[in-house]
Amino acid sequence: MFGTLLVIILDWYHLGKKLRDLMSMIALNKADKDRHLKFMFSSVARGNLYRFRLFEKKVQAKNEEKYLELIGYLEKHRDEIIDYQLRKKQVK
């Protein structure tokens, strides 16, 4: 509207909170939750949602509705999820 490009970035804190909250309802047990979160955080920290597709094939969800909510959340915010590791290096 004013000739300025507006870039929206999903902040790391809220992204992490959402992932942890939903995985608590999705994972079959604590070990699965920890393993899945480690993979998810390593993927999204680099802004690599394509790698996250591998996760989708490995998960056995105890709550399918929450699993679909997680996938939908990541799809909805795909353009707002950046390479957080690179951004951290650039800000220093």
PDB file of N, CA and C in Angstrom:
ATOM      1  N   MET A   1       0.815  -1.176   0.000  1.00  0.00           N
ATOM      2  CA  MET A   1       0.000   0.000   0.000  1.00  0.00           C
ATOM      3  C   MET A   1       0.870   1.256   0.000  1.00  0.00           C
ATOM      4  N   PHE A   2       1.960   1.245   0.753  1.00  0.00           N
ATOM      5  CA  PHE A   2       2.840   2.404   0.829  1.00  0.00           C
ATOM      6  C   PHE A   2       4.134   2.184   0.062  1.00  0.00           C
ATOM      7  N   GLY A   3       4.170   1.151  -0.769  1.00  0.00           N
ATOM      8  CA  GLY A   3       5.364   0.875  -1.539  1.00  0.00           C
ATOM      9  C   GLY A   3       6.452   0.157  -0.769  1.00  0.00           C
ATOM     10  N   THR A   4       6.138  -0.335   0.416  1.00  0.00           N
ATOM     11  CA  THR A   4       7.101  -1.045   1.243  1.00  0.00           C
ATOM     12  C   THR A   4       6.690  -2.510   1.337  1.00  0.00           C
ATOM     13  N   LEU A   5       7.648  -3.391   1.126  1.00  0.00           N
ATOM     14  CA  LEU A   5       7.400  -4.816   1.247  1.00  0.00           C
ATOM     15  C   LEU A   5       7.348  -5.188   2.728  1.00  0.00           C
ATOM     16  N   LEU A   6       6.281  -5.820   3.122  1.00  0.00           N
ATOM     17  CA  LEU A   6       6.112  -6.241   4.510  1.00  0.00           C
ATOM     18  C   LEU A   6       6.397  -7.732   4.601  1.00  0.00           C
ATOM     19  N   VAL A   7       7.358  -8.094   5.416  1.00  0.00           N
ATOM     20  CA  VAL A   7       7.717  -9.494   5.619  1.00  0.00           C
ATOM     21  C   VAL A   7       7.271  -9.901   7.010  1.00  0.00           C
ATOM     22  N   ILE A   8       6.466 -10.940   7.061  1.00  0.00           N
ATOM     23  CA  ILE A   8       5.983 -11.448   8.349  1.00  0.00           C
ATOM     24  C   ILE A   8       6.782 -12.700   8.685  1.00  0.00           C
ATOM     25  N   ILE A   9       7.333 -12.719   9.900  1.00  0.00           N
ATOM     26  CA  ILE A   9       8.121 -13.852  10.372  1.00  0.00           C
ATOM     27  C   ILE A   9       7.442 -14.421  11.611  1.00  0.00           C
ATOM     28  N   LEU A  10       7.237 -15.724  11.601  1.00  0.00           N
ATOM     29  CA  LEU A  10       6.699 -16.404  12.779  1.00  0.00           C
ATOM     30  C   LEU A  10       7.833 -16.532  13.789  1.00  0.00           C
ATOM     31  N   ASP A  11       7.632 -15.955  14.968  1.00  0.00           N
ATOM     32  CA  ASP A  11       8.738 -15.965  15.933  1.00  0.00           C
ATOM     33  C   ASP A  11       8.986 -17.368  16.477  1.00  0.00           C
ATOM     34  N   TRP A  12      10.254 -17.607  16.783  1.00  0.00           N
ATOM     35  CA  TRP A  12      10.724 -18.930  17.210  1.00  0.00           C
ATOM     36  C   TRP A  12      10.021 -19.407  18.478  1.00  0.00           C
ATOM     37  N   TYR A  13       9.804 -18.520  19.424  1.00  0.00           N
ATOM     38  CA  TYR A  13       9.173 -18.908  20.693  1.00  0.00           C
ATOM     39  C   TYR A  13       7.783 -19.497  20.450  1.00  0.00           C
ATOM     40  N   HIS A  14       6.952 -18.789  19.709  1.00  0.00           N
ATOM     41  CA  HIS A  14       5.579 -19.249  19.503  1.00  0.00           C
ATOM     42  C   HIS A  14       5.506 -20.471  18.595  1.00  0.00           C
ATOM     43  N   LEU A  15       6.408 -20.542  17.621  1.00  0.00           N
ATOM     44  CA  LEU A  15       6.468 -21.740  16.786  1.00  0.00           C
ATOM     45  C   LEU A  15       6.824 -22.948  17.649  1.00  0.00           C
ATOM     46  N   GLY A  16       7.849 -22.822  18.483  1.00  0.00           N
ATOM     47  CA  GLY A  16       8.261 -23.920  19.353  1.00  0.00           C
ATOM     48  C   GLY A  16       7.182 -24.323  20.340  1.00  0.00           C
ATOM     49  N   LYS A  17       6.506 -23.352  20.904  1.00  0.00           N
ATOM     50  CA  LYS A  17       5.428 -23.637  21.855  1.00  0.00           C
ATOM     51  C   LYS A  17       4.308 -24.423  21.179  1.00  0.00           C
ATOM     52  N   LYS A  18       3.943 -24.003  19.988  1.00  0.00           N
ATOM     53  CA  LYS A  18       2.870 -24.693  19.259  1.00  0.00           C
ATOM     54  C   LYS A  18       3.281 -26.126  18.934  1.00  0.00           C
ATOM     55  N   LEU A  19       4.517 -26.319  18.476  1.00  0.00           N
ATOM     56  CA  LEU A  19       4.990 -27.665  18.162  1.00  0.00           C
ATOM     57  C   LEU A  19       4.986 -28.557  19.403  1.00  0.00           C
ATOM     58  N   ARG A  20       5.494 -28.035  20.520  1.00  0.00           N
ATOM     59  CA  ARG A  20       5.521 -28.832  21.757  1.00  0.00           C
ATOM     60  C   ARG A  20       4.112 -29.154  22.258  1.00  0.00           C
ATOM     61  N   ASP A  21       3.234 -28.161  22.242  1.00  0.00           N
ATOM     62  CA  ASP A  21       1.867 -28.381  22.722  1.00  0.00           C
ATOM     63  C   ASP A  21       1.145 -29.442  21.900  1.00  0.00           C
ATOM     64  N   LEU A  22       1.246 -29.332  20.581  1.00  0.00           N
ATOM     65  CA  LEU A  22       0.544 -30.291  19.728  1.00  0.00           C
ATOM     66  C   LEU A  22       1.176 -31.675  19.804  1.00  0.00           C
ATOM     67  N   MET A  23       2.512 -31.751  19.860  1.00  0.00           N
ATOM     68  CA  MET A  23       3.153 -33.068  19.942  1.00  0.00           C
ATOM     69  C   MET A  23       2.814 -33.781  21.243  1.00  0.00           C
ATOM     70  N   SER A  24       2.518 -33.032  22.291  1.00  0.00           N
ATOM     71  CA  SER A  24       2.097 -33.660  23.551  1.00  0.00           C
ATOM     72  C   SER A  24       0.790 -34.415  23.371  1.00  0.00           C
ATOM     73  N   MET A  25      -0.032 -33.963  22.449  1.00  0.00           N
ATOM     74  CA  MET A  25      -1.318 -34.610  22.199  1.00  0.00           C
ATOM     75  C   MET A  25      -1.259 -35.611  21.049  1.00  0.00           C
ATOM     76  N   ILE A  26      -0.184 -35.592  20.278  1.00  0.00           N
ATOM     77  CA  ILE A  26      -0.063 -36.454  19.106  1.00  0.00           C
ATOM     78  C   ILE A  26       0.745 -37.714  19.391  1.00  0.00           C
ATOM     79  N   ALA A  27       1.874 -37.568  20.059  1.00  0.00           N
ATOM     80  CA  ALA A  27       2.812 -38.688  20.253  1.00  0.00           C
ATOM     81  C   ALA A  27       2.209 -39.781  21.124  1.00  0.00           C
ATOM     82  N   LEU A  28       2.585 -40.993  20.819  1.00  0.00           N
ATOM     83  CA  LEU A  28       2.090 -42.144  21.572  1.00  0.00           C
ATOM     84  C   LEU A  28       2.679 -42.209  22.973  1.00  0.00           C
ATOM     85  N   ASN A  29       3.930 -41.740  23.129  1.00  0.00           N
ATOM     86  CA  ASN A  29       4.581 -41.762  24.434  1.00  0.00           C
ATOM     87  C   ASN A  29       5.659 -40.677  24.471  1.00  0.00           C
ATOM     88  N   LYS A  30       6.291 -40.515  25.627  1.00  0.00           N
ATOM     89  CA  LYS A  30       7.283 -39.449  25.804  1.00  0.00           C
ATOM     90  C   LYS A  30       8.499 -39.652  24.891  1.00  0.00           C
ATOM     91  N   ALA A  31       8.927 -40.874  24.727  1.00  0.00           N
ATOM     92  CA  ALA A  31      10.088 -41.143  23.871  1.00  0.00           C
ATOM     93  C   ALA A  31       9.794 -40.732  22.424  1.00  0.00           C
ATOM     94  N   ASP A  32       8.605 -41.082  21.938  1.00  0.00           N
ATOM     95  CA  ASP A  32       8.214 -40.677  20.586  1.00  0.00           C
ATOM     96  C   ASP A  32       8.128 -39.159  20.484  1.00  0.00           C
ATOM     97  N   LYS A  33       7.551 -38.539  21.492  1.00  0.00           N
ATOM     98  CA  LYS A  33       7.422 -37.076  21.492  1.00  0.00           C
ATOM     99  C   LYS A  33       8.801 -36.432  21.403  1.00  0.00           C
ATOM    100  N   ASP A  34       9.742 -36.861  22.234  1.00  0.00           N
ATOM    101  CA  ASP A  34      11.085 -36.291  22.237  1.00  0.00           C
ATOM    102  C   ASP A  34      11.780 -36.498  20.900  1.00  0.00           C
ATOM    103  N   ARG A  35      11.648 -37.696  20.337  1.00  0.00           N
ATOM    104  CA  ARG A  35      12.281 -38.014  19.053  1.00  0.00           C
ATOM    105  C   ARG A  35      11.685 -37.164  17.937  1.00  0.00           C
ATOM    106  N   HIS A  36      10.371 -37.054  17.906  1.00  0.00           N
ATOM    107  CA  HIS A  36       9.704 -36.266  16.872  1.00  0.00           C
ATOM    108  C   HIS A  36      10.016 -34.774  17.010  1.00  0.00           C
ATOM    109  N   LEU A  37      10.026 -34.275  18.228  1.00  0.00           N
ATOM    110  CA  LEU A  37      10.339 -32.853  18.428  1.00  0.00           C
ATOM    111  C   LEU A  37      11.769 -32.536  17.996  1.00  0.00           C
ATOM    112  N   LYS A  38      12.695 -33.428  18.290  1.00  0.00           N
ATOM    113  CA  LYS A  38      14.082 -33.207  17.879  1.00  0.00           C
ATOM    114  C   LYS A  38      14.168 -33.091  16.361  1.00  0.00           C
ATOM    115  N   PHE A  39      13.506 -33.986  15.660  1.00  0.00           N
ATOM    116  CA  PHE A  39      13.501 -33.945  14.199  1.00  0.00           C
ATOM    117  C   PHE A  39      12.807 -32.686  13.694  1.00  0.00           C
ATOM    118  N   MET A  40      11.666 -32.350  14.279  1.00  0.00           N
ATOM    119  CA  MET A  40      10.905 -31.177  13.837  1.00  0.00           C
ATOM    120  C   MET A  40      11.692 -29.899  14.066  1.00  0.00           C
ATOM    121  N   PHE A  41      12.287 -29.749  15.243  1.00  0.00           N
ATOM    122  CA  PHE A  41      13.040 -28.534  15.534  1.00  0.00           C
ATOM    123  C   PHE A  41      14.262 -28.405  14.630  1.00  0.00           C
ATOM    124  N   SER A  42      14.932 -29.509  14.338  1.00  0.00           N
ATOM    125  CA  SER A  42      16.094 -29.414  13.450  1.00  0.00           C
ATOM    126  C   SER A  42      15.650 -29.038  12.038  1.00  0.00           C
ATOM    127  N   SER A  43      14.462 -29.448  11.640  1.00  0.00           N
ATOM    128  CA  SER A  43      13.946 -29.105  10.308  1.00  0.00           C
ATOM    129  C   SER A  43      13.507 -27.651  10.241  1.00  0.00           C
ATOM    130  N   VAL A  44      12.665 -27.237  11.182  1.00  0.00           N
ATOM    131  CA  VAL A  44      12.129 -25.875  11.101  1.00  0.00           C
ATOM    132  C   VAL A  44      13.168 -24.827  11.478  1.00  0.00           C
ATOM    133  N   ALA A  45      14.185 -25.176  12.250  1.00  0.00           N
ATOM    134  CA  ALA A  45      15.232 -24.206  12.594  1.00  0.00           C
ATOM    135  C   ALA A  45      15.963 -23.744  11.343  1.00  0.00           C
ATOM    136  N   ARG A  46      15.987 -24.598  10.353  1.00  0.00           N
ATOM    137  CA  ARG A  46      16.625 -24.256   9.077  1.00  0.00           C
ATOM    138  C   ARG A  46      15.601 -23.788   8.044  1.00  0.00           C
ATOM    139  N   GLY A  47      14.339 -23.682   8.463  1.00  0.00           N
ATOM    140  CA  GLY A  47      13.296 -23.267   7.537  1.00  0.00           C
ATOM    141  C   GLY A  47      12.993 -24.323   6.496  1.00  0.00           C
ATOM    142  N   ASN A  48      13.329 -25.565   6.803  1.00  0.00           N
ATOM    143  CA  ASN A  48      13.206 -26.652   5.840  1.00  0.00           C
ATOM    144  C   ASN A  48      11.930 -27.457   6.091  1.00  0.00           C
ATOM    145  N   LEU A  49      10.825 -26.988   5.563  1.00  0.00           N
ATOM    146  CA  LEU A  49       9.571 -27.717   5.746  1.00  0.00           C
ATOM    147  C   LEU A  49       9.474 -28.907   4.802  1.00  0.00           C
ATOM    148  N   TYR A  50      10.285 -28.936   3.749  1.00  0.00           N
ATOM    149  CA  TYR A  50      10.287 -30.107   2.868  1.00  0.00           C
ATOM    150  C   TYR A  50      10.819 -31.319   3.615  1.00  0.00           C
ATOM    151  N   ARG A  51      11.823 -31.102   4.451  1.00  0.00           N
ATOM    152  CA  ARG A  51      12.356 -32.195   5.272  1.00  0.00           C
ATOM    153  C   ARG A  51      11.297 -32.674   6.258  1.00  0.00           C
ATOM    154  N   PHE A  52      10.440 -31.758   6.653  1.00  0.00           N
ATOM    155  CA  PHE A  52       9.373 -32.102   7.586  1.00  0.00           C
ATOM    156  C   PHE A  52       8.436 -33.139   6.981  1.00  0.00           C
ATOM    157  N   ARG A  53       8.330 -33.180   5.667  1.00  0.00           N
ATOM    158  CA  ARG A  53       7.474 -34.176   5.002  1.00  0.00           C
ATOM    159  C   ARG A  53       7.897 -35.599   5.376  1.00  0.00           C
ATOM    160  N   LEU A  54       9.178 -35.806   5.638  1.00  0.00           N
ATOM    161  CA  LEU A  54       9.641 -37.124   6.081  1.00  0.00           C
ATOM    162  C   LEU A  54       9.005 -37.492   7.411  1.00  0.00           C
ATOM    163  N   PHE A  55       8.839 -36.491   8.264  1.00  0.00           N
ATOM    164  CA  PHE A  55       8.226 -36.687   9.569  1.00  0.00           C
ATOM    165  C   PHE A  55       6.800 -37.211   9.421  1.00  0.00           C
ATOM    166  N   GLU A  56       6.078 -36.653   8.471  1.00  0.00           N
ATOM    167  CA  GLU A  56       4.675 -37.030   8.294  1.00  0.00           C
ATOM    168  C   GLU A  56       4.506 -38.520   8.058  1.00  0.00           C
ATOM    169  N   LYS A  57       5.471 -39.130   7.397  1.00  0.00           N
ATOM    170  CA  LYS A  57       5.363 -40.554   7.073  1.00  0.00           C
ATOM    171  C   LYS A  57       5.737 -41.462   8.236  1.00  0.00           C
ATOM    172  N   LYS A  58       6.390 -40.909   9.260  1.00  0.00           N
ATOM    173  CA  LYS A  58       6.884 -41.718  10.372  1.00  0.00           C
ATOM    174  C   LYS A  58       5.985 -41.688  11.605  1.00  0.00           C
ATOM    175  N   VAL A  59       5.075 -40.751  11.662  1.00  0.00           N
ATOM    176  CA  VAL A  59       4.293 -40.537  12.877  1.00  0.00           C
ATOM    177  C   VAL A  59       3.069 -41.441  12.926  1.00  0.00           C
ATOM    178  N   GLN A  60       2.918 -42.080  14.083  1.00  0.00           N
ATOM    179  CA  GLN A  60       1.673 -42.767  14.396  1.00  0.00           C
ATOM    180  C   GLN A  60       1.003 -41.912  15.457  1.00  0.00           C
ATOM    181  N   ALA A  61      -0.035 -41.210  15.059  1.00  0.00           N
ATOM    182  CA  ALA A  61      -0.670 -40.247  15.957  1.00  0.00           C
ATOM    183  C   ALA A  61      -1.720 -40.928  16.828  1.00  0.00           C
ATOM    184  N   LYS A  62      -1.695 -40.578  18.121  1.00  0.00           N
ATOM    185  CA  LYS A  62      -2.756 -41.065  19.002  1.00  0.00           C
ATOM    186  C   LYS A  62      -3.991 -40.178  18.879  1.00  0.00           C
ATOM    187  N   ASN A  63      -3.801 -38.975  18.352  1.00  0.00           N
ATOM    188  CA  ASN A  63      -4.902 -38.033  18.159  1.00  0.00           C
ATOM    189  C   ASN A  63      -4.789 -37.477  16.743  1.00  0.00           C
ATOM    190  N   GLU A  64      -5.508 -38.080  15.835  1.00  0.00           N
ATOM    191  CA  GLU A  64      -5.439 -37.708  14.418  1.00  0.00           C
ATOM    192  C   GLU A  64      -5.851 -36.259  14.187  1.00  0.00           C
ATOM    193  N   GLU A  65      -6.830 -35.785  14.939  1.00  0.00           N
ATOM    194  CA  GLU A  65      -7.293 -34.404  14.791  1.00  0.00           C
ATOM    195  C   GLU A  65      -6.177 -33.405  15.110  1.00  0.00           C
ATOM    196  N   LYS A  66      -5.432 -33.646  16.175  1.00  0.00           N
ATOM    197  CA  LYS A  66      -4.326 -32.756  16.541  1.00  0.00           C
ATOM    198  C   LYS A  66      -3.168 -32.873  15.559  1.00  0.00           C
ATOM    199  N   TYR A  67      -2.966 -34.072  15.033  1.00  0.00           N
ATOM    200  CA  TYR A  67      -1.942 -34.268  14.017  1.00  0.00           C
ATOM    201  C   TYR A  67      -2.264 -33.432  12.773  1.00  0.00           C
ATOM    202  N   LEU A  68      -3.503 -33.481  12.328  1.00  0.00           N
ATOM    203  CA  LEU A  68      -3.922 -32.685  11.174  1.00  0.00           C
ATOM    204  C   LEU A  68      -3.858 -31.193  11.479  1.00  0.00           C
ATOM    205  N   GLU A  69      -4.106 -30.812  12.736  1.00  0.00           N
ATOM    206  CA  GLU A  69      -3.973 -29.412  13.138  1.00  0.00           C
ATOM    207  C   GLU A  69      -2.513 -28.960  13.008  1.00  0.00           C
ATOM    208  N   LEU A  70      -1.582 -29.814  13.413  1.00  0.00           N
ATOM    209  CA  LEU A  70      -0.155 -29.502  13.305  1.00  0.00           C
ATOM    210  C   LEU A  70       0.246 -29.312  11.843  1.00  0.00           C
ATOM    211  N   ILE A  71      -0.155 -30.241  11.000  1.00  0.00           N
ATOM    212  CA  ILE A  71       0.175 -30.156   9.579  1.00  0.00           C
ATOM    213  C   ILE A  71      -0.443 -28.894   8.977  1.00  0.00           C
ATOM    214  N   GLY A  72      -1.682 -28.612   9.315  1.00  0.00           N
ATOM    215  CA  GLY A  72      -2.353 -27.416   8.823  1.00  0.00           C
ATOM    216  C   GLY A  72      -1.684 -26.141   9.292  1.00  0.00           C
ATOM    217  N   TYR A  73      -1.251 -26.117  10.541  1.00  0.00           N
ATOM    218  CA  TYR A  73      -0.564 -24.952  11.105  1.00  0.00           C
ATOM    219  C   TYR A  73       0.723 -24.665  10.339  1.00  0.00           C
ATOM    220  N   LEU A  74       1.505 -25.707  10.085  1.00  0.00           N
ATOM    221  CA  LEU A  74       2.760 -25.527   9.360  1.00  0.00           C
ATOM    222  C   LEU A  74       2.517 -25.104   7.909  1.00  0.00           C
ATOM    223  N   GLU A  75       1.492 -25.662   7.293  1.00  0.00           N
ATOM    224  CA  GLU A  75       1.155 -25.267   5.924  1.00  0.00           C
ATOM    225  C   GLU A  75       0.691 -23.817   5.880  1.00  0.00           C
ATOM    226  N   LYS A  76      -0.139 -23.438   6.814  1.00  0.00           N
ATOM    227  CA  LYS A  76      -0.676 -22.077   6.857  1.00  0.00           C
ATOM    228  C   LYS A  76       0.429 -21.040   7.028  1.00  0.00           C
ATOM    229  N   HIS A  77       1.423 -21.377   7.840  1.00  0.00           N
ATOM    230  CA  HIS A  77       2.492 -20.432   8.166  1.00  0.00           C
ATOM    231  C   HIS A  77       3.791 -20.705   7.403  1.00  0.00           C
ATOM    232  N   ARG A  78       3.708 -21.520   6.375  1.00  0.00           N
ATOM    233  CA  ARG A  78       4.888 -21.923   5.596  1.00  0.00           C
ATOM    234  C   ARG A  78       5.741 -20.728   5.167  1.00  0.00           C
ATOM    235  N   ASP A  79       5.106 -19.676   4.694  1.00  0.00           N
ATOM    236  CA  ASP A  79       5.857 -18.511   4.216  1.00  0.00           C
ATOM    237  C   ASP A  79       6.416 -17.654   5.342  1.00  0.00           C
ATOM    238  N   GLU A  80       5.965 -17.889   6.569  1.00  0.00           N
ATOM    239  CA  GLU A  80       6.418 -17.116   7.721  1.00  0.00           C
ATOM    240  C   GLU A  80       7.520 -17.827   8.503  1.00  0.00           C
ATOM    241  N   ILE A  81       7.786 -19.086   8.141  1.00  0.00           N
ATOM    242  CA  ILE A  81       8.825 -19.870   8.803  1.00  0.00           C
ATOM    243  C   ILE A  81      10.105 -19.701   8.002  1.00  0.00           C
ATOM    244  N   ILE A  82      11.101 -19.126   8.640  1.00  0.00           N
ATOM    245  CA  ILE A  82      12.356 -18.773   7.967  1.00  0.00           C
ATOM    246  C   ILE A  82      13.477 -19.696   8.420  1.00  0.00           C
ATOM    247  N   ASP A  83      14.657 -19.457   7.919  1.00  0.00           N
ATOM    248  CA  ASP A  83      15.855 -20.149   8.397  1.00  0.00           C
ATOM    249  C   ASP A  83      16.301 -19.406   9.655  1.00  0.00           C
ATOM    250  N   TYR A  84      15.835 -19.872  10.805  1.00  0.00           N
ATOM    251  CA  TYR A  84      16.086 -19.194  12.077  1.00  0.00           C
ATOM    252  C   TYR A  84      17.576 -19.205  12.438  1.00  0.00           C
ATOM    253  N   GLN A  85      18.282 -20.266  12.069  1.00  0.00           N
ATOM    254  CA  GLN A  85      19.716 -20.336  12.359  1.00  0.00           C
ATOM    255  C   GLN A  85      20.475 -19.263  11.576  1.00  0.00           C
ATOM    256  N   LEU A  86      20.151 -19.100  10.312  1.00  0.00           N
ATOM    257  CA  LEU A  86      20.803 -18.083   9.496  1.00  0.00           C
ATOM    258  C   LEU A  86      20.469 -16.684  10.007  1.00  0.00           C
ATOM    259  N   ARG A  87      19.222 -16.468  10.355  1.00  0.00           N
ATOM    260  CA  ARG A  87      18.813 -15.155  10.869  1.00  0.00           C
ATOM    261  C   ARG A  87      19.569 -14.812  12.156  1.00  0.00           C
ATOM    262  N   LYS A  88      19.745 -15.797  13.027  1.00  0.00           N
ATOM    263  CA  LYS A  88      20.464 -15.576  14.285  1.00  0.00           C
ATOM    264  C   LYS A  88      21.907 -15.158  14.005  1.00  0.00           C
ATOM    265  N   LYS A  89      22.535 -15.780  13.016  1.00  0.00           N
ATOM    266  CA  LYS A  89      23.904 -15.420  12.655  1.00  0.00           C
ATOM    267  C   LYS A  89      23.976 -14.006  12.087  1.00  0.00           C
ATOM    268  N   GLN A  90      22.977 -13.647  11.290  1.00  0.00           N
ATOM    269  CA  GLN A  90      22.977 -12.333  10.655  1.00  0.00           C
ATOM    270  C   GLN A  90      22.704 -11.200  11.623  1.00  0.00           C
ATOM    271  N   VAL A  91      21.933 -11.472  12.678  1.00  0.00           N
ATOM    272  CA  VAL A  91      21.560 -10.444  13.650  1.00  0.00           C
ATOM    273  C   VAL A  91      22.720 -10.117  14.572  1.00  0.00           C
ATOM    274  N   LYS A  92      23.600 -11.069  14.801  1.00  0.00           N
ATOM    275  CA  LYS A  92      24.720 -10.857  15.730  1.00  0.00           C
ATOM    276  C   LYS A  92      25.634  -9.760  15.270  1.00  0.00           C
TER     277      LYS A  92
END
